Amino acid sequence: MSRSGRLKEDFANELVVKIWDRILVKNNHNLVSVKQNAQVHFR
C-alpha cells in the first residue's frame, strides 16, 4: 500500500464510522421515545 492510499482508506473508514455512529444514535433516540410512549400507553 502506498502512503496516500492508506490515508484515503483510513479517511473512508473514519467517515463510515461517523455515519454509523449518527445512524445508531438516531435509532437509539427513536427506540427510547418508542419505549417512553409505550410506557405512557400501558399505564
PDB file of N, CA and C in Angstrom:
ATOM      1  N   MET A   1       0.849  -1.201   0.000  1.00  0.00           N
ATOM      2  CA  MET A   1       0.000   0.000   0.000  1.00  0.00           C
ATOM      3  C   MET A   1       0.884   1.251   0.000  1.00  0.00           C
ATOM      4  N   SER A   2       0.543   2.197  -0.843  1.00  0.00           N
ATOM      5  CA  SER A   2       1.244   3.474  -0.783  1.00  0.00           C
ATOM      6  C   SER A   2       0.720   4.282   0.393  1.00  0.00           C
ATOM      7  N   ARG A   3       1.492   5.267   0.789  1.00  0.00           N
ATOM      8  CA  ARG A   3       1.095   6.057   1.959  1.00  0.00           C
ATOM      9  C   ARG A   3      -0.210   6.803   1.709  1.00  0.00           C
ATOM     10  N   SER A   4      -0.346   7.404   0.525  1.00  0.00           N
ATOM     11  CA  SER A   4      -1.569   8.157   0.232  1.00  0.00           C
ATOM     12  C   SER A   4      -2.774   7.213   0.158  1.00  0.00           C
ATOM     13  N   GLY A   5      -2.564   6.019  -0.366  1.00  0.00           N
ATOM     14  CA  GLY A   5      -3.659   5.055  -0.433  1.00  0.00           C
ATOM     15  C   GLY A   5      -4.139   4.675   0.956  1.00  0.00           C
ATOM     16  N   ARG A   6      -3.192   4.483   1.871  1.00  0.00           N
ATOM     17  CA  ARG A   6      -3.567   4.117   3.229  1.00  0.00           C
ATOM     18  C   ARG A   6      -4.305   5.273   3.899  1.00  0.00           C
ATOM     19  N   LEU A   7      -3.852   6.512   3.658  1.00  0.00           N
ATOM     20  CA  LEU A   7      -4.521   7.673   4.242  1.00  0.00           C
ATOM     21  C   LEU A   7      -5.958   7.745   3.743  1.00  0.00           C
ATOM     22  N   LYS A   8      -6.146   7.531   2.433  1.00  0.00           N
ATOM     23  CA  LYS A   8      -7.502   7.569   1.885  1.00  0.00           C
ATOM     24  C   LYS A   8      -8.367   6.495   2.523  1.00  0.00           C
ATOM     25  N   GLU A   9      -7.804   5.318   2.712  1.00  0.00           N
ATOM     26  CA  GLU A   9      -8.585   4.228   3.296  1.00  0.00           C
ATOM     27  C   GLU A   9      -8.969   4.556   4.733  1.00  0.00           C
ATOM     28  N   ASP A  10      -8.008   5.086   5.498  1.00  0.00           N
ATOM     29  CA  ASP A  10      -8.310   5.480   6.885  1.00  0.00           C
ATOM     30  C   ASP A  10      -9.406   6.530   6.907  1.00  0.00           C
ATOM     31  N   PHE A  11      -9.318   7.496   5.985  1.00  0.00           N
ATOM     32  CA  PHE A  11     -10.314   8.565   5.947  1.00  0.00           C
ATOM     33  C   PHE A  11     -11.690   7.978   5.644  1.00  0.00           C
ATOM     34  N   ALA A  12     -11.759   7.060   4.686  1.00  0.00           N
ATOM     35  CA  ALA A  12     -13.043   6.435   4.339  1.00  0.00           C
ATOM     36  C   ALA A  12     -13.582   5.652   5.529  1.00  0.00           C
ATOM     37  N   ASN A  13     -12.719   4.912   6.206  1.00  0.00           N
ATOM     38  CA  ASN A  13     -13.165   4.154   7.386  1.00  0.00           C
ATOM     39  C   ASN A  13     -13.705   5.080   8.451  1.00  0.00           C
ATOM     40  N   GLU A  14     -13.023   6.211   8.681  1.00  0.00           N
ATOM     41  CA  GLU A  14     -13.496   7.158   9.693  1.00  0.00           C
ATOM     42  C   GLU A  14     -14.854   7.715   9.311  1.00  0.00           C
ATOM     43  N   LEU A  15     -15.041   8.026   8.018  1.00  0.00           N
ATOM     44  CA  LEU A  15     -16.332   8.545   7.562  1.00  0.00           C
ATOM     45  C   LEU A  15     -17.423   7.523   7.826  1.00  0.00           C
ATOM     46  N   VAL A  16     -17.158   6.266   7.489  1.00  0.00           N
ATOM     47  CA  VAL A  16     -18.160   5.217   7.701  1.00  0.00           C
ATOM     48  C   VAL A  16     -18.506   5.113   9.180  1.00  0.00           C
ATOM     49  N   VAL A  17     -17.485   5.152  10.027  1.00  0.00           N
ATOM     50  CA  VAL A  17     -17.727   5.043  11.467  1.00  0.00           C
ATOM     51  C   VAL A  17     -18.582   6.216  11.949  1.00  0.00           C
ATOM     52  N   LYS A  18     -18.254   7.431  11.484  1.00  0.00           N
ATOM     53  CA  LYS A  18     -19.022   8.608  11.921  1.00  0.00           C
ATOM     54  C   LYS A  18     -20.472   8.489  11.468  1.00  0.00           C
ATOM     55  N   ILE A  19     -20.661   8.081  10.210  1.00  0.00           N
ATOM     56  CA  ILE A  19     -22.032   7.963   9.695  1.00  0.00           C
ATOM     57  C   ILE A  19     -22.800   6.922  10.498  1.00  0.00           C
ATOM     58  N   TRP A  20     -22.154   5.765  10.744  1.00  0.00           N
ATOM     59  CA  TRP A  20     -22.826   4.716  11.524  1.00  0.00           C
ATOM     60  C   TRP A  20     -23.158   5.202  12.922  1.00  0.00           C
ATOM     61  N   ASP A  21     -22.218   5.947  13.551  1.00  0.00           N
ATOM     62  CA  ASP A  21     -22.485   6.484  14.891  1.00  0.00           C
ATOM     63  C   ASP A  21     -23.737   7.355  14.862  1.00  0.00           C
ATOM     64  N   ARG A  22     -23.848   8.211  13.836  1.00  0.00           N
ATOM     65  CA  ARG A  22     -25.017   9.089  13.761  1.00  0.00           C
ATOM     66  C   ARG A  22     -26.284   8.271  13.575  1.00  0.00           C
ATOM     67  N   ILE A  23     -26.237   7.266  12.689  1.00  0.00           N
ATOM     68  CA  ILE A  23     -27.431   6.436  12.451  1.00  0.00           C
ATOM     69  C   ILE A  23     -27.823   5.719  13.736  1.00  0.00           C
ATOM     70  N   LEU A  24     -26.838   5.139  14.425  1.00  0.00           N
ATOM     71  CA  LEU A  24     -27.138   4.386  15.644  1.00  0.00           C
ATOM     72  C   LEU A  24     -27.680   5.315  16.720  1.00  0.00           C
ATOM     73  N   VAL A  25     -27.108   6.506  16.844  1.00  0.00           N
ATOM     74  CA  VAL A  25     -27.600   7.452  17.862  1.00  0.00           C
ATOM     75  C   VAL A  25     -29.050   7.813  17.552  1.00  0.00           C
ATOM     76  N   LYS A  26     -29.356   8.084  16.267  1.00  0.00           N
ATOM     77  CA  LYS A  26     -30.735   8.411  15.904  1.00  0.00           C
ATOM     78  C   LYS A  26     -31.652   7.239  16.222  1.00  0.00           C
ATOM     79  N   ASN A  27     -31.217   6.019  15.876  1.00  0.00           N
ATOM     80  CA  ASN A  27     -32.044   4.845  16.159  1.00  0.00           C
ATOM     81  C   ASN A  27     -32.259   4.685  17.656  1.00  0.00           C
ATOM     82  N   ASN A  28     -31.220   4.933  18.443  1.00  0.00           N
ATOM     83  CA  ASN A  28     -31.361   4.818  19.899  1.00  0.00           C
ATOM     84  C   ASN A  28     -32.374   5.836  20.409  1.00  0.00           C
ATOM     85  N   HIS A  29     -32.327   7.061  19.893  1.00  0.00           N
ATOM     86  CA  HIS A  29     -33.303   8.067  20.318  1.00  0.00           C
ATOM     87  C   HIS A  29     -34.705   7.606  19.959  1.00  0.00           C
ATOM     88  N   ASN A  30     -34.863   7.061  18.746  1.00  0.00           N
ATOM     89  CA  ASN A  30     -36.186   6.586  18.327  1.00  0.00           C
ATOM     90  C   ASN A  30     -36.661   5.469  19.243  1.00  0.00           C
ATOM     91  N   LEU A  31     -35.768   4.523  19.579  1.00  0.00           N
ATOM     92  CA  LEU A  31     -36.146   3.419  20.456  1.00  0.00           C
ATOM     93  C   LEU A  31     -36.550   3.945  21.824  1.00  0.00           C
ATOM     94  N   VAL A  32     -35.806   4.897  22.339  1.00  0.00           N
ATOM     95  CA  VAL A  32     -36.122   5.447  23.664  1.00  0.00           C
ATOM     96  C   VAL A  32     -37.496   6.108  23.626  1.00  0.00           C
ATOM     97  N   SER A  33     -37.780   6.897  22.597  1.00  0.00           N
ATOM     98  CA  SER A  33     -39.076   7.579  22.531  1.00  0.00           C
ATOM     99  C   SER A  33     -40.194   6.560  22.371  1.00  0.00           C
ATOM    100  N   VAL A  34     -39.962   5.505  21.593  1.00  0.00           N
ATOM    101  CA  VAL A  34     -40.985   4.459  21.435  1.00  0.00           C
ATOM    102  C   VAL A  34     -41.253   3.794  22.779  1.00  0.00           C
ATOM    103  N   LYS A  35     -40.179   3.481  23.526  1.00  0.00           N
ATOM    104  CA  LYS A  35     -40.360   2.857  24.844  1.00  0.00           C
ATOM    105  C   LYS A  35     -41.135   3.790  25.774  1.00  0.00           C
ATOM    106  N   GLN A  36     -40.790   5.072  25.766  1.00  0.00           N
ATOM    107  CA  GLN A  36     -41.484   6.020  26.639  1.00  0.00           C
ATOM    108  C   GLN A  36     -42.958   6.095  26.246  1.00  0.00           C
ATOM    109  N   ASN A  37     -43.259   6.148  24.951  1.00  0.00           N
ATOM    110  CA  ASN A  37     -44.657   6.190  24.513  1.00  0.00           C
ATOM    111  C   ASN A  37     -45.388   4.924  24.941  1.00  0.00           C
ATOM    112  N   ALA A  38     -44.713   3.782  24.820  1.00  0.00           N
ATOM    113  CA  ALA A  38     -45.343   2.523  25.215  1.00  0.00           C
ATOM    114  C   ALA A  38     -45.636   2.539  26.715  1.00  0.00           C
ATOM    115  N   GLN A  39     -44.699   3.028  27.516  1.00  0.00           N
ATOM    116  CA  GLN A  39     -44.928   3.086  28.968  1.00  0.00           C
ATOM    117  C   GLN A  39     -46.120   3.987  29.276  1.00  0.00           C
ATOM    118  N   VAL A  40     -46.236   5.099  28.569  1.00  0.00           N
ATOM    119  CA  VAL A  40     -47.364   6.011  28.813  1.00  0.00           C
ATOM    120  C   VAL A  40     -48.666   5.307  28.462  1.00  0.00           C
ATOM    121  N   HIS A  41     -48.687   4.575  27.344  1.00  0.00           N
ATOM    122  CA  HIS A  41     -49.930   3.934  26.906  1.00  0.00           C
ATOM    123  C   HIS A  41     -50.335   2.792  27.830  1.00  0.00           C
ATOM    124  N   PHE A  42     -49.345   2.089  28.388  1.00  0.00           N
ATOM    125  CA  PHE A  42     -49.672   0.863  29.128  1.00  0.00           C
ATOM    126  C   PHE A  42     -49.835   1.101  30.621  1.00  0.00           C
ATOM    127  N   ARG A  43     -49.842   2.362  31.060  1.00  0.00           N
ATOM    128  CA  ARG A  43     -50.038   2.607  32.482  1.00  0.00           C
ATOM    129  C   ARG A  43     -51.495   2.405  32.849  1.00  0.00           C
TER     130      ARG A  43
END
